[in-house]
Amino acid sequence: MGPREEREALERLMLSPLASLAEKSKGRERNEPQCDIRTCYQRDIDRITHSNAFRRLKHKTQVFLQPEGDHYRTRLTHTLEVARIGRTIARALRLNEDLAEAIALGHDLGHTPFGHAGERALNAIIDKEGGFRHNEQSLRVVDVLERDGTGLNLSFEVRDGILCHTGEQKPITLEGSVIRIADRIAYINHDVDDAIRAGILRELDIPEEISCALGAKHGERINALILDMINESNKNGEIAMSPQIAFIFNAFYDFVYKNIYKNMRAKSEETKVFGIIDGLFSHYTANPDELPDDYRRVAMRDGLRRAVSDFVSGMTDKYSIYKYGELYVPAAWQVR
């Protein structure tokens, strides 16, 4: 029995009957030999973390555009926090931690530069083509765009969890449902932490009913939400928070939305994002020969506007600003 078979045997012994066993996966879109060492979900973790899209997350905005300071979250650190929260919950519920981690690591691969501001800008541009949603783009990244257009060929359950981590469609696995909530736990709490660091909020600004129910500190709030979710999910076999904590959590989100996501100090630069995204999109649709080779191949298969959307959405904040400047900002003359 090799390392993979040993791990699969351990999953049968240790995991809940409600867990997704790796050996029971619905498989990949393209059949391929099993790895001797890793289960299919462990293999997917490695494929995602070695992808170009994953590496680019370190230079993509979470909430604060171009923050000055080394400790603000990026899309990459957000992804890692979701993965850790997700694994903690999955372990406590005896679910498949590897599946939960793979979904978490892949869930934001399709996010635009400049966070949700970039997503809104691109959505408006391609509205007539069906719009832009980062969860759908994340699936497109792993299915179509990575590995020079061949995709990562991930397991069905990982792909489903990536697509369904947000939106109306619910994941088919409990692990996917864990990440769906872990994502919200992570971003609501770390966005508050970053807002306090930026001087936009104070701990004392958080409503008393939220602090009393969840805790006065960042770690206390995360711990309270995770513990409640574990206890409630163990009761009924579904991934959920208790009604009382779910009510408080929704109130917490409303507070964050009003005081951070709609705060003019935090979002004052967002109008410029629309100009950058629109400028880049317009240039490359007018000059398709300037697209990289792999995106020109996408254009031949899926259409030019789809390919330009793929290219622009995959840019980092820094690269999109650089390309916009190169295309639209006049170069300085050298005076002798």
C-alpha atoms as a PDB file:
ATOM      1  CA  MET A   1       0.000   0.000   0.000  1.00  0.00           C
ATOM      2  CA  GLY A   2       1.481   3.339  -1.083  1.00  0.00           C
ATOM      3  CA  PRO A   3       1.259   6.735   0.642  1.00  0.00           C
ATOM      4  CA  ARG A   4      -1.900   7.740  -1.227  1.00  0.00           C
ATOM      5  CA  GLU A   5      -3.715   4.506  -0.399  1.00  0.00           C
ATOM      6  CA  GLU A   6      -2.658   4.840   3.244  1.00  0.00           C
ATOM      7  CA  ARG A   7      -4.098   8.355   3.389  1.00  0.00           C
ATOM      8  CA  GLU A   8      -7.333   7.230   1.764  1.00  0.00           C
ATOM      9  CA  ALA A   9      -7.610   4.409   4.302  1.00  0.00           C
ATOM     10  CA  LEU A  10      -7.086   6.922   7.133  1.00  0.00           C
ATOM     11  CA  GLU A  11      -9.846   9.111   5.699  1.00  0.00           C
ATOM     12  CA  ARG A  12     -12.246   6.154   5.820  1.00  0.00           C
ATOM     13  CA  LEU A  13     -11.383   5.583   9.482  1.00  0.00           C
ATOM     14  CA  MET A  14     -11.154   9.152  10.751  1.00  0.00           C
ATOM     15  CA  LEU A  15     -13.592  11.293   8.799  1.00  0.00           C
ATOM     16  CA  SER A  16     -17.287  11.794   9.361  1.00  0.00           C
ATOM     17  CA  PRO A  17     -19.752   9.841   7.200  1.00  0.00           C
ATOM     18  CA  LEU A  18     -20.753  13.275   5.880  1.00  0.00           C
ATOM     19  CA  ALA A  19     -17.228  14.108   4.705  1.00  0.00           C
ATOM     20  CA  SER A  20     -16.068  13.984   1.089  1.00  0.00           C
ATOM     21  CA  LEU A  21     -13.609  11.115   0.750  1.00  0.00           C
ATOM     22  CA  ALA A  22     -10.865  11.636  -1.792  1.00  0.00           C
ATOM     23  CA  GLU A  23     -11.297   8.112  -3.162  1.00  0.00           C
ATOM     24  CA  LYS A  24     -14.987   8.879  -3.804  1.00  0.00           C
ATOM     25  CA  SER A  25     -14.307  12.011  -5.839  1.00  0.00           C
ATOM     26  CA  LYS A  26     -16.276  12.401  -9.061  1.00  0.00           C
ATOM     27  CA  GLY A  27     -12.904  12.813 -10.729  1.00  0.00           C
ATOM     28  CA  ARG A  28     -11.463  15.233 -13.259  1.00  0.00           C
ATOM     29  CA  GLU A  29     -12.770  16.412 -16.604  1.00  0.00           C
ATOM     30  CA  ARG A  30      -9.765  14.744 -18.250  1.00  0.00           C
ATOM     31  CA  ASN A  31      -8.801  11.357 -16.891  1.00  0.00           C
ATOM     32  CA  GLU A  32      -5.205  10.990 -15.728  1.00  0.00           C
ATOM     33  CA  PRO A  33      -3.238   8.480 -13.649  1.00  0.00           C
ATOM     34  CA  GLN A  34      -3.492   8.792  -9.867  1.00  0.00           C
ATOM     35  CA  CYS A  35      -0.525  10.165  -7.954  1.00  0.00           C
ATOM     36  CA  ASP A  36       1.373   7.544  -5.941  1.00  0.00           C
ATOM     37  CA  ILE A  37       1.856   9.933  -3.007  1.00  0.00           C
ATOM     38  CA  ARG A  38      -1.019  12.416  -2.850  1.00  0.00           C
ATOM     39  CA  THR A  39      -4.794  12.106  -2.832  1.00  0.00           C
ATOM     40  CA  CYS A  40      -6.626  13.960  -5.572  1.00  0.00           C
ATOM     41  CA  TYR A  41      -7.393  16.883  -3.240  1.00  0.00           C
ATOM     42  CA  GLN A  42      -3.804  17.134  -2.010  1.00  0.00           C
ATOM     43  CA  ARG A  43      -2.704  17.165  -5.619  1.00  0.00           C
ATOM     44  CA  ASP A  44      -5.133  20.011  -6.352  1.00  0.00           C
ATOM     45  CA  ILE A  45      -3.662  22.057  -3.489  1.00  0.00           C
ATOM     46  CA  ASP A  46      -0.249  21.763  -5.103  1.00  0.00           C
ATOM     47  CA  ARG A  47      -1.526  22.614  -8.573  1.00  0.00           C
ATOM     48  CA  ILE A  48      -3.202  25.762  -7.290  1.00  0.00           C
ATOM     49  CA  THR A  49      -0.282  26.983  -5.174  1.00  0.00           C
ATOM     50  CA  HIS A  50       2.132  26.480  -8.088  1.00  0.00           C
ATOM     51  CA  SER A  51      -0.080  28.381 -10.534  1.00  0.00           C
ATOM     52  CA  ASN A  52       0.688  31.812 -11.969  1.00  0.00           C
ATOM     53  CA  ALA A  53      -2.693  33.146 -10.838  1.00  0.00           C
ATOM     54  CA  PHE A  54      -1.970  32.208  -7.216  1.00  0.00           C
ATOM     55  CA  ARG A  55       1.354  34.033  -7.222  1.00  0.00           C
ATOM     56  CA  ARG A  56      -0.261  37.164  -8.630  1.00  0.00           C
ATOM     57  CA  LEU A  57      -2.609  37.381  -5.632  1.00  0.00           C
ATOM     58  CA  LYS A  58       0.185  38.920  -3.561  1.00  0.00           C
ATOM     59  CA  HIS A  59      -0.055  42.112  -5.645  1.00  0.00           C
ATOM     60  CA  LYS A  60      -3.856  42.341  -5.770  1.00  0.00           C
ATOM     61  CA  THR A  61      -5.871  44.606  -3.488  1.00  0.00           C
ATOM     62  CA  GLN A  62      -8.092  43.229  -0.761  1.00  0.00           C
ATOM     63  CA  VAL A  63      -9.875  46.459   0.285  1.00  0.00           C
ATOM     64  CA  PHE A  64      -7.405  49.337   0.611  1.00  0.00           C
ATOM     65  CA  LEU A  65      -5.970  50.565  -2.688  1.00  0.00           C
ATOM     66  CA  GLN A  66      -2.200  51.101  -2.698  1.00  0.00           C
ATOM     67  CA  PRO A  67      -1.899  51.149   1.117  1.00  0.00           C
ATOM     68  CA  GLU A  68       1.273  52.516   2.646  1.00  0.00           C
ATOM     69  CA  GLY A  69       2.466  49.924   5.108  1.00  0.00           C
ATOM     70  CA  ASP A  70       3.553  46.303   5.092  1.00  0.00           C
ATOM     71  CA  HIS A  71       0.777  44.855   7.241  1.00  0.00           C
ATOM     72  CA  TYR A  72      -2.376  45.453   5.212  1.00  0.00           C
ATOM     73  CA  ARG A  73      -4.042  42.398   3.735  1.00  0.00           C
ATOM     74  CA  THR A  74      -3.679  41.544   0.085  1.00  0.00           C
ATOM     75  CA  ARG A  75      -5.756  39.065  -1.858  1.00  0.00           C
ATOM     76  CA  LEU A  76      -3.078  36.456  -1.103  1.00  0.00           C
ATOM     77  CA  THR A  77      -3.049  36.931   2.676  1.00  0.00           C
ATOM     78  CA  HIS A  78      -6.860  36.906   2.628  1.00  0.00           C
ATOM     79  CA  THR A  79      -6.745  33.576   0.800  1.00  0.00           C
ATOM     80  CA  LEU A  80      -4.349  32.107   3.373  1.00  0.00           C
ATOM     81  CA  GLU A  81      -6.540  33.280   6.256  1.00  0.00           C
ATOM     82  CA  VAL A  82      -9.594  31.662   4.656  1.00  0.00           C
ATOM     83  CA  ALA A  83      -7.627  28.435   4.241  1.00  0.00           C
ATOM     84  CA  ARG A  84      -6.610  28.384   7.896  1.00  0.00           C
ATOM     85  CA  ILE A  85     -10.115  29.139   9.170  1.00  0.00           C
ATOM     86  CA  GLY A  86     -11.536  26.557   6.796  1.00  0.00           C
ATOM     87  CA  ARG A  87      -9.125  23.838   7.894  1.00  0.00           C
ATOM     88  CA  THR A  88      -9.813  24.540  11.553  1.00  0.00           C
ATOM     89  CA  ILE A  89     -13.563  24.157  11.074  1.00  0.00           C
ATOM     90  CA  ALA A  90     -13.209  21.118   8.804  1.00  0.00           C
ATOM     91  CA  ARG A  91     -10.954  19.349  11.299  1.00  0.00           C
ATOM     92  CA  ALA A  92     -13.325  19.954  14.192  1.00  0.00           C
ATOM     93  CA  LEU A  93     -16.237  18.604  12.137  1.00  0.00           C
ATOM     94  CA  ARG A  94     -14.156  15.642  10.870  1.00  0.00           C
ATOM     95  CA  LEU A  95     -14.564  16.792   7.292  1.00  0.00           C
ATOM     96  CA  ASN A  96     -11.903  16.591   4.581  1.00  0.00           C
ATOM     97  CA  GLU A  97      -9.357  19.291   5.399  1.00  0.00           C
ATOM     98  CA  ASP A  98      -7.530  18.849   2.105  1.00  0.00           C
ATOM     99  CA  LEU A  99     -10.664  19.519   0.084  1.00  0.00           C
ATOM    100  CA  ALA A 100     -11.492  22.568   2.211  1.00  0.00           C
ATOM    101  CA  GLU A 101      -7.965  23.927   1.766  1.00  0.00           C
ATOM    102  CA  ALA A 102      -7.956  23.385  -1.997  1.00  0.00           C
ATOM    103  CA  ILE A 103     -11.242  25.276  -2.370  1.00  0.00           C
ATOM    104  CA  ALA A 104      -9.986  28.109  -0.160  1.00  0.00           C
ATOM    105  CA  LEU A 105      -6.707  28.478  -2.045  1.00  0.00           C
ATOM    106  CA  GLY A 106      -8.489  28.615  -5.385  1.00  0.00           C
ATOM    107  CA  HIS A 107     -11.573  30.635  -4.530  1.00  0.00           C
ATOM    108  CA  ASP A 108     -10.218  34.096  -5.479  1.00  0.00           C
ATOM    109  CA  LEU A 109      -7.882  33.244  -8.358  1.00  0.00           C
ATOM    110  CA  GLY A 110     -10.141  35.121 -10.768  1.00  0.00           C
ATOM    111  CA  HIS A 111     -10.308  38.354  -8.816  1.00  0.00           C
ATOM    112  CA  THR A 112      -9.529  41.558 -10.678  1.00  0.00           C
ATOM    113  CA  PRO A 113      -6.899  44.132  -9.745  1.00  0.00           C
ATOM    114  CA  PHE A 114      -8.167  46.714  -7.238  1.00  0.00           C
ATOM    115  CA  GLY A 115     -10.516  44.320  -5.455  1.00  0.00           C
ATOM    116  CA  HIS A 116     -14.261  44.679  -5.856  1.00  0.00           C
ATOM    117  CA  ALA A 117     -13.846  48.110  -7.454  1.00  0.00           C
ATOM    118  CA  GLY A 118     -12.074  46.444 -10.359  1.00  0.00           C
ATOM    119  CA  GLU A 119     -14.732  43.746 -10.465  1.00  0.00           C
ATOM    120  CA  ARG A 120     -17.512  46.339 -10.698  1.00  0.00           C
ATOM    121  CA  ALA A 121     -15.652  48.206 -13.427  1.00  0.00           C
ATOM    122  CA  LEU A 122     -15.133  45.105 -15.567  1.00  0.00           C
ATOM    123  CA  ASN A 123     -18.684  43.921 -14.925  1.00  0.00           C
ATOM    124  CA  ALA A 124     -20.028  47.199 -16.299  1.00  0.00           C
ATOM    125  CA  ILE A 125     -17.833  46.960 -19.402  1.00  0.00           C
ATOM    126  CA  ILE A 126     -18.898  43.442 -20.396  1.00  0.00           C
ATOM    127  CA  ASP A 127     -22.441  43.638 -19.050  1.00  0.00           C
ATOM    128  CA  LYS A 128     -23.963  42.714 -22.414  1.00  0.00           C
ATOM    129  CA  GLU A 129     -21.759  39.608 -22.608  1.00  0.00           C
ATOM    130  CA  GLY A 130     -23.066  38.326 -19.290  1.00  0.00           C
ATOM    131  CA  GLY A 131     -21.034  40.496 -16.941  1.00  0.00           C
ATOM    132  CA  PHE A 132     -18.068  39.636 -14.765  1.00  0.00           C
ATOM    133  CA  ARG A 133     -18.190  37.730 -11.465  1.00  0.00           C
ATOM    134  CA  HIS A 134     -14.962  36.767  -9.778  1.00  0.00           C
ATOM    135  CA  ASN A 135     -16.158  33.308  -8.687  1.00  0.00           C
ATOM    136  CA  GLU A 136     -16.978  32.389 -12.283  1.00  0.00           C
ATOM    137  CA  GLN A 137     -13.646  33.820 -13.399  1.00  0.00           C
ATOM    138  CA  SER A 138     -11.822  31.798 -10.728  1.00  0.00           C
ATOM    139  CA  LEU A 139     -13.290  28.649 -12.222  1.00  0.00           C
ATOM    140  CA  ARG A 140     -12.337  29.837 -15.706  1.00  0.00           C
ATOM    141  CA  VAL A 141      -8.768  30.418 -14.525  1.00  0.00           C
ATOM    142  CA  VAL A 142      -8.345  26.841 -13.282  1.00  0.00           C
ATOM    143  CA  ASP A 143     -10.299  25.281 -16.158  1.00  0.00           C
ATOM    144  CA  VAL A 144      -9.079  27.277 -19.155  1.00  0.00           C
ATOM    145  CA  LEU A 145      -6.423  29.921 -18.583  1.00  0.00           C
ATOM    146  CA  GLU A 146      -3.688  28.271 -16.532  1.00  0.00           C
ATOM    147  CA  ARG A 147      -0.933  26.132 -18.073  1.00  0.00           C
ATOM    148  CA  ASP A 148      -1.021  27.960 -21.419  1.00  0.00           C
ATOM    149  CA  GLY A 149      -4.695  27.266 -21.955  1.00  0.00           C
ATOM    150  CA  THR A 150      -4.883  23.650 -20.818  1.00  0.00           C
ATOM    151  CA  GLY A 151      -6.092  24.423 -17.272  1.00  0.00           C
ATOM    152  CA  LEU A 152      -5.243  22.687 -14.027  1.00  0.00           C
ATOM    153  CA  ASN A 153      -7.755  19.845 -14.490  1.00  0.00           C
ATOM    154  CA  LEU A 154      -8.884  19.969 -10.864  1.00  0.00           C
ATOM    155  CA  SER A 155     -11.227  17.559  -9.117  1.00  0.00           C
ATOM    156  CA  PHE A 156     -14.968  18.108  -9.542  1.00  0.00           C
ATOM    157  CA  GLU A 157     -15.526  18.910  -5.852  1.00  0.00           C
ATOM    158  CA  VAL A 158     -12.781  21.556  -5.785  1.00  0.00           C
ATOM    159  CA  ARG A 159     -14.132  23.199  -8.926  1.00  0.00           C
ATOM    160  CA  ASP A 160     -17.648  23.237  -7.481  1.00  0.00           C
ATOM    161  CA  GLY A 161     -16.424  24.790  -4.223  1.00  0.00           C
ATOM    162  CA  ILE A 162     -14.541  27.513  -6.082  1.00  0.00           C
ATOM    163  CA  LEU A 163     -17.569  28.418  -8.197  1.00  0.00           C
ATOM    164  CA  CYS A 164     -20.043  28.296  -5.309  1.00  0.00           C
ATOM    165  CA  HIS A 165     -18.027  30.094  -2.623  1.00  0.00           C
ATOM    166  CA  THR A 166     -20.292  33.099  -3.258  1.00  0.00           C
ATOM    167  CA  GLY A 167     -23.518  33.749  -5.150  1.00  0.00           C
ATOM    168  CA  GLU A 168     -26.853  31.980  -5.089  1.00  0.00           C
ATOM    169  CA  GLN A 169     -25.643  28.501  -6.004  1.00  0.00           C
ATOM    170  CA  LYS A 170     -24.697  26.394  -2.968  1.00  0.00           C
ATOM    171  CA  PRO A 171     -21.758  23.943  -2.923  1.00  0.00           C
ATOM    172  CA  ILE A 172     -22.470  20.238  -3.227  1.00  0.00           C
ATOM    173  CA  THR A 173     -20.035  19.353  -0.406  1.00  0.00           C
ATOM    174  CA  LEU A 174     -19.992  20.315   3.248  1.00  0.00           C
ATOM    175  CA  GLU A 175     -16.364  21.347   2.781  1.00  0.00           C
ATOM    176  CA  GLY A 176     -17.474  23.836   0.158  1.00  0.00           C
ATOM    177  CA  SER A 177     -20.089  25.190   2.558  1.00  0.00           C
ATOM    178  CA  VAL A 178     -17.399  25.593   5.223  1.00  0.00           C
ATOM    179  CA  ILE A 179     -15.285  27.756   2.909  1.00  0.00           C
ATOM    180  CA  ARG A 180     -18.326  29.781   1.838  1.00  0.00           C
ATOM    181  CA  ILE A 181     -18.741  30.942   5.455  1.00  0.00           C
ATOM    182  CA  ALA A 182     -15.015  30.953   6.311  1.00  0.00           C
ATOM    183  CA  ASP A 183     -14.508  33.478   3.501  1.00  0.00           C
ATOM    184  CA  ARG A 184     -16.970  35.886   5.142  1.00  0.00           C
ATOM    185  CA  ILE A 185     -15.518  35.317   8.620  1.00  0.00           C
ATOM    186  CA  ALA A 186     -12.055  36.133   7.288  1.00  0.00           C
ATOM    187  CA  TYR A 187     -12.786  39.252   5.252  1.00  0.00           C
ATOM    188  CA  ILE A 188     -15.209  40.910   7.665  1.00  0.00           C
ATOM    189  CA  ASN A 189     -12.774  40.556  10.542  1.00  0.00           C
ATOM    190  CA  HIS A 190      -9.550  41.380   8.739  1.00  0.00           C
ATOM    191  CA  ASP A 191     -11.110  44.336   6.949  1.00  0.00           C
ATOM    192  CA  VAL A 192     -12.004  45.752  10.363  1.00  0.00           C
ATOM    193  CA  ASP A 193      -8.462  45.088  11.547  1.00  0.00           C
ATOM    194  CA  ASP A 194      -7.037  46.923   8.517  1.00  0.00           C
ATOM    195  CA  ALA A 195      -9.494  49.798   8.941  1.00  0.00           C
ATOM    196  CA  ILE A 196      -8.372  50.223  12.558  1.00  0.00           C
ATOM    197  CA  ARG A 197      -4.738  50.164  11.398  1.00  0.00           C
ATOM    198  CA  ALA A 198      -5.567  52.853   8.814  1.00  0.00           C
ATOM    199  CA  GLY A 199      -7.264  55.061  11.396  1.00  0.00           C
ATOM    200  CA  ILE A 200     -10.662  54.776   9.717  1.00  0.00           C
ATOM    201  CA  LEU A 201     -12.168  52.907  12.677  1.00  0.00           C
ATOM    202  CA  ARG A 202     -11.454  52.456  16.352  1.00  0.00           C
ATOM    203  CA  GLU A 203     -12.177  49.325  18.356  1.00  0.00           C
ATOM    204  CA  LEU A 204     -14.631  51.443  20.351  1.00  0.00           C
ATOM    205  CA  ASP A 205     -16.621  52.159  17.177  1.00  0.00           C
ATOM    206  CA  ILE A 206     -17.733  48.544  16.910  1.00  0.00           C
ATOM    207  CA  PRO A 207     -21.306  48.375  18.291  1.00  0.00           C
ATOM    208  CA  GLU A 208     -21.542  47.071  21.822  1.00  0.00           C
ATOM    209  CA  GLU A 209     -23.944  44.266  20.948  1.00  0.00           C
ATOM    210  CA  ILE A 210     -21.343  42.877  18.517  1.00  0.00           C
ATOM    211  CA  SER A 211     -18.447  43.177  20.966  1.00  0.00           C
ATOM    212  CA  CYS A 212     -20.497  41.617  23.764  1.00  0.00           C
ATOM    213  CA  ALA A 213     -21.535  38.652  21.634  1.00  0.00           C
ATOM    214  CA  LEU A 214     -18.292  38.016  19.751  1.00  0.00           C
ATOM    215  CA  GLY A 215     -15.519  39.724  21.708  1.00  0.00           C
ATOM    216  CA  ALA A 216     -13.705  43.029  21.817  1.00  0.00           C
ATOM    217  CA  LYS A 217     -10.604  41.901  19.914  1.00  0.00           C
ATOM    218  CA  HIS A 218      -9.904  40.572  16.420  1.00  0.00           C
ATOM    219  CA  GLY A 219      -8.894  37.069  17.537  1.00  0.00           C
ATOM    220  CA  GLU A 220     -11.756  36.805  20.017  1.00  0.00           C
ATOM    221  CA  ARG A 221     -14.323  37.552  17.324  1.00  0.00           C
ATOM    222  CA  ILE A 222     -12.917  34.982  14.906  1.00  0.00           C
ATOM    223  CA  ASN A 223     -12.719  32.355  17.639  1.00  0.00           C
ATOM    224  CA  ALA A 224     -16.314  32.983  18.742  1.00  0.00           C
ATOM    225  CA  LEU A 225     -17.642  32.682  15.189  1.00  0.00           C
ATOM    226  CA  ILE A 226     -15.697  29.483  14.503  1.00  0.00           C
ATOM    227  CA  LEU A 227     -16.722  27.859  17.788  1.00  0.00           C
ATOM    228  CA  ASP A 228     -20.385  28.686  17.264  1.00  0.00           C
ATOM    229  CA  MET A 229     -20.237  27.360  13.716  1.00  0.00           C
ATOM    230  CA  ILE A 230     -18.668  24.090  14.888  1.00  0.00           C
ATOM    231  CA  ASN A 231     -21.218  23.604  17.673  1.00  0.00           C
ATOM    232  CA  GLU A 232     -24.221  24.410  15.495  1.00  0.00           C
ATOM    233  CA  SER A 233     -23.040  22.306  12.556  1.00  0.00           C
ATOM    234  CA  ASN A 234     -22.438  19.312  14.819  1.00  0.00           C
ATOM    235  CA  LYS A 235     -26.069  19.457  15.953  1.00  0.00           C
ATOM    236  CA  ASN A 236     -27.785  19.069  12.603  1.00  0.00           C
ATOM    237  CA  GLY A 237     -25.201  17.913  10.071  1.00  0.00           C
ATOM    238  CA  GLU A 238     -25.449  21.136   8.069  1.00  0.00           C
ATOM    239  CA  ILE A 239     -22.906  23.948   7.991  1.00  0.00           C
ATOM    240  CA  ALA A 240     -24.426  26.899   9.802  1.00  0.00           C
ATOM    241  CA  MET A 241     -24.167  29.319  12.682  1.00  0.00           C
ATOM    242  CA  SER A 242     -26.706  29.435  15.474  1.00  0.00           C
ATOM    243  CA  PRO A 243     -29.620  31.823  14.786  1.00  0.00           C
ATOM    244  CA  GLN A 244     -28.431  34.215  17.509  1.00  0.00           C
ATOM    245  CA  ILE A 245     -24.847  34.440  16.252  1.00  0.00           C
ATOM    246  CA  ALA A 246     -25.962  34.529  12.608  1.00  0.00           C
ATOM    247  CA  PHE A 247     -28.069  37.592  13.464  1.00  0.00           C
ATOM    248  CA  ILE A 248     -25.087  39.274  15.125  1.00  0.00           C
ATOM    249  CA  PHE A 249     -22.787  38.294  12.250  1.00  0.00           C
ATOM    250  CA  ASN A 250     -25.147  39.868   9.722  1.00  0.00           C
ATOM    251  CA  ALA A 251     -25.276  43.019  11.853  1.00  0.00           C
ATOM    252  CA  PHE A 252     -21.467  42.991  11.913  1.00  0.00           C
ATOM    253  CA  TYR A 253     -21.400  42.800   8.110  1.00  0.00           C
ATOM    254  CA  ASP A 254     -23.848  45.708   7.845  1.00  0.00           C
ATOM    255  CA  PHE A 255     -21.598  47.754  10.136  1.00  0.00           C
ATOM    256  CA  VAL A 256     -18.515  46.920   8.053  1.00  0.00           C
ATOM    257  CA  TYR A 257     -20.314  47.662   4.791  1.00  0.00           C
ATOM    258  CA  LYS A 258     -21.428  51.090   5.961  1.00  0.00           C
ATOM    259  CA  ASN A 259     -18.240  52.127   7.738  1.00  0.00           C
ATOM    260  CA  ILE A 260     -15.549  50.575   5.515  1.00  0.00           C
ATOM    261  CA  TYR A 261     -16.845  49.493   2.116  1.00  0.00           C
ATOM    262  CA  LYS A 262     -18.795  52.747   1.719  1.00  0.00           C
ATOM    263  CA  ASN A 263     -16.342  54.952   3.622  1.00  0.00           C
ATOM    264  CA  MET A 264     -15.120  57.768   1.376  1.00  0.00           C
ATOM    265  CA  ARG A 265     -11.699  57.909   3.046  1.00  0.00           C
ATOM    266  CA  ALA A 266     -11.139  54.237   2.297  1.00  0.00           C
ATOM    267  CA  LYS A 267     -12.652  54.307  -1.181  1.00  0.00           C
ATOM    268  CA  SER A 268     -11.701  57.798  -2.390  1.00  0.00           C
ATOM    269  CA  GLU A 269      -9.440  56.450  -5.158  1.00  0.00           C
ATOM    270  CA  GLU A 270     -11.960  54.005  -6.610  1.00  0.00           C
ATOM    271  CA  THR A 271     -13.207  56.327  -9.367  1.00  0.00           C
ATOM    272  CA  LYS A 272      -9.696  56.188 -10.828  1.00  0.00           C
ATOM    273  CA  VAL A 273      -9.953  52.394 -10.958  1.00  0.00           C
ATOM    274  CA  PHE A 274     -12.828  52.618 -13.427  1.00  0.00           C
ATOM    275  CA  GLY A 275     -10.693  54.824 -15.683  1.00  0.00           C
ATOM    276  CA  ILE A 276      -7.750  52.415 -15.582  1.00  0.00           C
ATOM    277  CA  ILE A 277      -9.829  49.290 -16.265  1.00  0.00           C
ATOM    278  CA  ASP A 278     -11.810  50.977 -19.035  1.00  0.00           C
ATOM    279  CA  GLY A 279      -8.668  52.410 -20.606  1.00  0.00           C
ATOM    280  CA  LEU A 280      -6.898  49.056 -20.656  1.00  0.00           C
ATOM    281  CA  PHE A 281      -9.937  47.229 -21.991  1.00  0.00           C
ATOM    282  CA  SER A 282     -10.465  49.793 -24.748  1.00  0.00           C
ATOM    283  CA  HIS A 283      -6.824  49.697 -25.816  1.00  0.00           C
ATOM    284  CA  TYR A 284      -6.538  45.932 -26.112  1.00  0.00           C
ATOM    285  CA  THR A 285      -9.860  45.512 -27.907  1.00  0.00           C
ATOM    286  CA  ALA A 286      -8.657  48.113 -30.414  1.00  0.00           C
ATOM    287  CA  ASN A 287      -5.160  46.565 -30.601  1.00  0.00           C
ATOM    288  CA  PRO A 288      -5.562  42.795 -30.241  1.00  0.00           C
ATOM    289  CA  ASP A 289      -2.108  42.148 -31.706  1.00  0.00           C
ATOM    290  CA  GLU A 290      -0.650  43.552 -28.480  1.00  0.00           C
ATOM    291  CA  LEU A 291      -2.219  40.798 -26.386  1.00  0.00           C
ATOM    292  CA  PRO A 292       0.155  38.057 -25.193  1.00  0.00           C
ATOM    293  CA  ASP A 293       0.152  34.934 -27.363  1.00  0.00           C
ATOM    294  CA  ASP A 294      -1.922  32.813 -24.989  1.00  0.00           C
ATOM    295  CA  TYR A 295      -4.680  35.443 -24.845  1.00  0.00           C
ATOM    296  CA  ARG A 296      -4.681  35.770 -28.622  1.00  0.00           C
ATOM    297  CA  ARG A 297      -5.407  32.042 -28.695  1.00  0.00           C
ATOM    298  CA  VAL A 298      -8.260  32.624 -26.247  1.00  0.00           C
ATOM    299  CA  ALA A 299      -9.583  35.354 -28.553  1.00  0.00           C
ATOM    300  CA  MET A 300      -9.656  32.965 -31.498  1.00  0.00           C
ATOM    301  CA  ARG A 301     -11.633  30.435 -29.477  1.00  0.00           C
ATOM    302  CA  ASP A 302     -13.869  32.559 -27.221  1.00  0.00           C
ATOM    303  CA  GLY A 303     -13.904  35.999 -28.828  1.00  0.00           C
ATOM    304  CA  LEU A 304     -11.805  39.127 -28.422  1.00  0.00           C
ATOM    305  CA  ARG A 305     -13.747  40.794 -25.612  1.00  0.00           C
ATOM    306  CA  ARG A 306     -13.663  37.611 -23.555  1.00  0.00           C
ATOM    307  CA  ALA A 307      -9.901  37.359 -24.049  1.00  0.00           C
ATOM    308  CA  VAL A 308      -9.326  41.003 -23.116  1.00  0.00           C
ATOM    309  CA  SER A 309     -11.469  40.538 -20.016  1.00  0.00           C
ATOM    310  CA  ASP A 310      -9.333  37.521 -19.073  1.00  0.00           C
ATOM    311  CA  PHE A 311      -6.123  39.477 -19.602  1.00  0.00           C
ATOM    312  CA  VAL A 312      -7.168  42.612 -17.712  1.00  0.00           C
ATOM    313  CA  SER A 313      -8.760  40.705 -14.822  1.00  0.00           C
ATOM    314  CA  GLY A 314      -5.575  38.697 -14.387  1.00  0.00           C
ATOM    315  CA  MET A 315      -3.382  41.771 -13.996  1.00  0.00           C
ATOM    316  CA  THR A 316      -2.036  42.801 -10.618  1.00  0.00           C
ATOM    317  CA  ASP A 317      -2.627  46.310  -9.307  1.00  0.00           C
ATOM    318  CA  LYS A 318       0.975  47.275 -10.032  1.00  0.00           C
ATOM    319  CA  TYR A 319       1.043  45.860 -13.543  1.00  0.00           C
ATOM    320  CA  SER A 320      -2.283  47.458 -14.542  1.00  0.00           C
ATOM    321  CA  ILE A 321      -1.073  50.867 -13.323  1.00  0.00           C
ATOM    322  CA  TYR A 322       2.227  50.368 -15.187  1.00  0.00           C
ATOM    323  CA  LYS A 323       0.507  49.364 -18.443  1.00  0.00           C
ATOM    324  CA  TYR A 324      -2.000  52.212 -18.184  1.00  0.00           C
ATOM    325  CA  GLY A 325       0.845  54.681 -17.686  1.00  0.00           C
ATOM    326  CA  GLU A 326       2.793  53.204 -20.571  1.00  0.00           C
ATOM    327  CA  LEU A 327      -0.214  53.472 -22.877  1.00  0.00           C
ATOM    328  CA  TYR A 328      -1.742  56.797 -21.855  1.00  0.00           C
ATOM    329  CA  VAL A 329       0.782  58.916 -19.946  1.00  0.00           C
ATOM    330  CA  PRO A 330       3.220  60.830 -22.201  1.00  0.00           C
ATOM    331  CA  ALA A 331       6.866  60.039 -21.693  1.00  0.00           C
ATOM    332  CA  ALA A 332       9.033  62.890 -20.432  1.00  0.00           C
ATOM    333  CA  TRP A 333      11.257  64.662 -22.946  1.00  0.00           C
ATOM    334  CA  GLN A 334      14.935  64.725 -22.222  1.00  0.00           C
ATOM    335  CA  VAL A 335      16.241  68.301 -22.438  1.00  0.00           C
ATOM    336  CA  ARG A 336      19.918  68.753 -23.310  1.00  0.00           C
END
